Structure formats: structure tokens, C-alpha cells
Amino acid sequence: MVVITKNELMKLGYGKYQSERIIRQAKAIMVSKSYTYYENRRLGLVPVESVEEVLDMKIEVEEDFQNHG
């Protein structure tokens, strides 16, 4: 599963608060799909598929994004 963080969304051109909101919405989607792991407030990684669902568009994830470091 490919995941994405707030910082990676910022590198794609989204603002800080917009990136945080997208991550929060993506986490809510995952919780609604019974993935209670995403209820953790400190968790900052979400699947790219859930972010794509929030944005209603495809996201191309680069290789260096997958290192999360």
C-alpha cells in the first residue's frame, strides 16, 4: 500500500492547512471503512487511494516520496 504524508502533499503544491485537512478527511474515510488504526491523532500517513478519493483525482507519487524521510 502506497501512503502519503502532509509534507508530501505540500511538495505537490498544497498549502500547510489544506494538506492537514486532506489528511484528516482521508483518515475519516479510512475509519468509515472500519480501519480503526486511523483514529490515532498522531498518525500522519494515509493511503494515497483515500487522498485520491478526497480530491477526486489521481495522484502520481514519486519514488522519493515513498521513503517518508
N, C-alpha and C. Protein backbone atom coordinates (compact mmCIF):
# COMPACT_ATOMS: atom_id res chain seq x y z
N MET A 1 0.85 -1.17 0.00
CA MET A 1 0.00 0.00 0.00
C MET A 1 0.90 1.24 0.00
N VAL A 2 0.64 2.14 -0.91
CA VAL A 2 1.40 3.38 -1.01
C VAL A 2 0.72 4.41 -0.12
N VAL A 3 1.51 5.06 0.73
CA VAL A 3 0.96 6.05 1.65
C VAL A 3 1.57 7.42 1.37
N ILE A 4 0.93 8.46 1.90
CA ILE A 4 1.37 9.82 1.67
C ILE A 4 1.21 10.61 2.97
N THR A 5 2.04 11.62 3.16
CA THR A 5 2.01 12.46 4.35
C THR A 5 1.62 13.89 3.99
N LYS A 6 1.40 14.68 5.03
CA LYS A 6 1.09 16.10 4.84
C LYS A 6 2.23 16.80 4.11
N ASN A 7 3.46 16.51 4.48
CA ASN A 7 4.62 17.16 3.87
C ASN A 7 4.73 16.82 2.39
N GLU A 8 4.39 15.61 2.03
CA GLU A 8 4.41 15.21 0.62
C GLU A 8 3.33 15.94 -0.17
N LEU A 9 2.16 16.14 0.45
CA LEU A 9 1.11 16.92 -0.20
C LEU A 9 1.57 18.36 -0.40
N MET A 10 2.31 18.89 0.57
CA MET A 10 2.83 20.25 0.45
C MET A 10 3.82 20.34 -0.71
N LYS A 11 4.63 19.29 -0.91
CA LYS A 11 5.56 19.27 -2.04
C LYS A 11 4.82 19.23 -3.38
N LEU A 12 3.59 18.72 -3.35
CA LEU A 12 2.79 18.67 -4.57
C LEU A 12 2.08 20.00 -4.84
N GLY A 13 2.23 20.96 -3.91
CA GLY A 13 1.67 22.29 -4.15
C GLY A 13 0.52 22.69 -3.26
N TYR A 14 0.09 21.83 -2.36
CA TYR A 14 -0.99 22.18 -1.45
C TYR A 14 -0.40 22.94 -0.26
N GLY A 15 -1.18 23.84 0.31
CA GLY A 15 -0.74 24.61 1.46
C GLY A 15 -0.72 23.75 2.71
N LYS A 16 -0.13 24.28 3.78
CA LYS A 16 0.00 23.53 5.03
C LYS A 16 -1.36 23.12 5.59
N TYR A 17 -2.25 24.08 5.74
CA TYR A 17 -3.54 23.78 6.35
C TYR A 17 -4.43 22.96 5.42
N GLN A 18 -4.31 23.19 4.13
CA GLN A 18 -5.07 22.39 3.16
C GLN A 18 -4.58 20.94 3.21
N SER A 19 -3.27 20.74 3.32
CA SER A 19 -2.71 19.39 3.40
C SER A 19 -3.18 18.69 4.67
N GLU A 20 -3.20 19.42 5.78
CA GLU A 20 -3.67 18.84 7.04
C GLU A 20 -5.14 18.44 6.93
N ARG A 21 -5.94 19.28 6.29
CA ARG A 21 -7.36 18.97 6.14
C ARG A 21 -7.57 17.75 5.25
N ILE A 22 -6.79 17.65 4.19
CA ILE A 22 -6.89 16.50 3.28
C ILE A 22 -6.54 15.21 4.04
N ILE A 23 -5.46 15.24 4.83
CA ILE A 23 -5.06 14.07 5.61
C ILE A 23 -6.17 13.70 6.60
N ARG A 24 -6.75 14.70 7.27
CA ARG A 24 -7.82 14.45 8.24
C ARG A 24 -9.03 13.81 7.56
N GLN A 25 -9.40 14.31 6.38
CA GLN A 25 -10.53 13.75 5.65
C GLN A 25 -10.23 12.33 5.17
N ALA A 26 -9.00 12.09 4.74
CA ALA A 26 -8.61 10.76 4.29
C ALA A 26 -8.65 9.78 5.46
N LYS A 27 -8.21 10.23 6.64
CA LYS A 27 -8.28 9.37 7.82
C LYS A 27 -9.72 9.04 8.17
N ALA A 28 -10.61 10.02 8.05
CA ALA A 28 -12.03 9.78 8.33
C ALA A 28 -12.61 8.75 7.37
N ILE A 29 -12.20 8.80 6.11
CA ILE A 29 -12.64 7.82 5.14
C ILE A 29 -12.18 6.42 5.55
N MET A 30 -10.92 6.32 5.97
CA MET A 30 -10.39 5.01 6.38
C MET A 30 -11.12 4.48 7.62
N VAL A 31 -11.44 5.37 8.57
CA VAL A 31 -12.18 4.95 9.76
C VAL A 31 -13.57 4.48 9.37
N SER A 32 -14.20 5.17 8.42
CA SER A 32 -15.54 4.76 7.97
C SER A 32 -15.52 3.40 7.28
N LYS A 33 -14.34 2.99 6.79
CA LYS A 33 -14.18 1.68 6.17
C LYS A 33 -13.72 0.64 7.19
N SER A 34 -13.87 0.96 8.48
CA SER A 34 -13.56 0.08 9.61
C SER A 34 -12.07 -0.13 9.86
N TYR A 35 -11.23 0.78 9.40
CA TYR A 35 -9.81 0.74 9.72
C TYR A 35 -9.58 1.65 10.92
N THR A 36 -9.86 1.13 12.12
CA THR A 36 -9.80 1.94 13.33
C THR A 36 -8.39 2.41 13.66
N TYR A 37 -7.38 1.82 13.05
CA TYR A 37 -6.00 2.25 13.21
C TYR A 37 -5.84 3.74 12.91
N TYR A 38 -6.65 4.25 11.99
CA TYR A 38 -6.55 5.64 11.55
C TYR A 38 -7.25 6.62 12.48
N GLU A 39 -7.80 6.14 13.60
CA GLU A 39 -8.36 7.02 14.62
C GLU A 39 -7.27 7.70 15.45
N ASN A 40 -6.06 7.22 15.36
CA ASN A 40 -4.93 7.77 16.10
C ASN A 40 -4.65 9.20 15.64
N ARG A 41 -4.68 10.16 16.56
CA ARG A 41 -4.49 11.57 16.22
C ARG A 41 -3.08 11.86 15.73
N ARG A 42 -2.11 11.09 16.19
CA ARG A 42 -0.72 11.34 15.83
C ARG A 42 -0.30 10.71 14.51
N LEU A 43 -1.13 9.88 13.97
CA LEU A 43 -0.81 9.21 12.72
C LEU A 43 -0.89 10.19 11.57
N GLY A 44 0.18 10.29 10.79
CA GLY A 44 0.22 11.24 9.70
C GLY A 44 0.32 10.62 8.32
N LEU A 45 0.29 9.29 8.24
CA LEU A 45 0.35 8.59 6.96
C LEU A 45 -1.03 8.06 6.61
N VAL A 46 -1.44 8.29 5.38
CA VAL A 46 -2.70 7.73 4.89
C VAL A 46 -2.48 7.16 3.51
N PRO A 47 -3.27 6.17 3.12
CA PRO A 47 -3.12 5.61 1.77
C PRO A 47 -3.41 6.65 0.69
N VAL A 48 -2.65 6.60 -0.36
CA VAL A 48 -2.84 7.52 -1.48
C VAL A 48 -4.25 7.38 -2.04
N GLU A 49 -4.78 6.16 -2.04
CA GLU A 49 -6.12 5.94 -2.58
C GLU A 49 -7.17 6.76 -1.84
N SER A 50 -7.03 6.88 -0.51
CA SER A 50 -8.01 7.66 0.24
C SER A 50 -7.86 9.15 -0.03
N VAL A 51 -6.63 9.62 -0.25
CA VAL A 51 -6.42 11.03 -0.62
C VAL A 51 -7.00 11.30 -2.00
N GLU A 52 -6.83 10.35 -2.91
CA GLU A 52 -7.41 10.48 -4.24
C GLU A 52 -8.93 10.56 -4.17
N GLU A 53 -9.51 9.82 -3.22
CA GLU A 53 -10.95 9.85 -3.03
C GLU A 53 -11.40 11.22 -2.52
N VAL A 54 -10.63 11.82 -1.63
CA VAL A 54 -10.94 13.16 -1.11
C VAL A 54 -10.84 14.19 -2.22
N LEU A 55 -9.77 14.12 -3.00
CA LEU A 55 -9.52 15.12 -4.04
C LEU A 55 -10.27 14.85 -5.33
N ASP A 56 -10.78 13.62 -5.48
CA ASP A 56 -11.47 13.19 -6.68
C ASP A 56 -10.59 13.33 -7.91
N MET A 57 -9.31 12.96 -7.73
CA MET A 57 -8.36 12.97 -8.84
C MET A 57 -7.21 12.02 -8.53
N LYS A 58 -6.51 11.60 -9.56
CA LYS A 58 -5.38 10.67 -9.43
C LYS A 58 -4.14 11.44 -9.01
N ILE A 59 -3.35 10.86 -8.10
CA ILE A 59 -2.10 11.47 -7.66
C ILE A 59 -0.96 10.59 -8.12
N GLU A 60 0.01 11.19 -8.79
CA GLU A 60 1.21 10.48 -9.19
C GLU A 60 2.24 10.62 -8.06
N VAL A 61 2.60 9.51 -7.44
CA VAL A 61 3.54 9.52 -6.33
C VAL A 61 4.93 9.19 -6.85
N GLU A 62 5.89 10.06 -6.55
CA GLU A 62 7.26 9.85 -6.99
C GLU A 62 7.97 8.84 -6.10
N GLU A 63 9.06 8.29 -6.59
CA GLU A 63 9.83 7.29 -5.85
C GLU A 63 10.30 7.81 -4.49
N ASP A 64 10.87 9.03 -4.43
CA ASP A 64 11.42 9.53 -3.19
C ASP A 64 10.36 9.84 -2.16
N PHE A 65 9.09 9.97 -2.56
CA PHE A 65 8.02 10.17 -1.61
C PHE A 65 7.80 8.91 -0.76
N GLN A 66 8.10 7.76 -1.32
CA GLN A 66 7.82 6.52 -0.62
C GLN A 66 8.78 6.23 0.52
N ASN A 67 9.86 7.02 0.66
CA ASN A 67 10.80 6.84 1.76
C ASN A 67 10.33 7.51 3.03
N HIS A 68 9.51 8.54 2.93
CA HIS A 68 8.94 9.27 4.06
C HIS A 68 9.98 9.77 5.04
N GLY A 69 11.12 10.17 4.55
CA GLY A 69 12.17 10.61 5.45
C GLY A 69 12.77 11.88 5.11
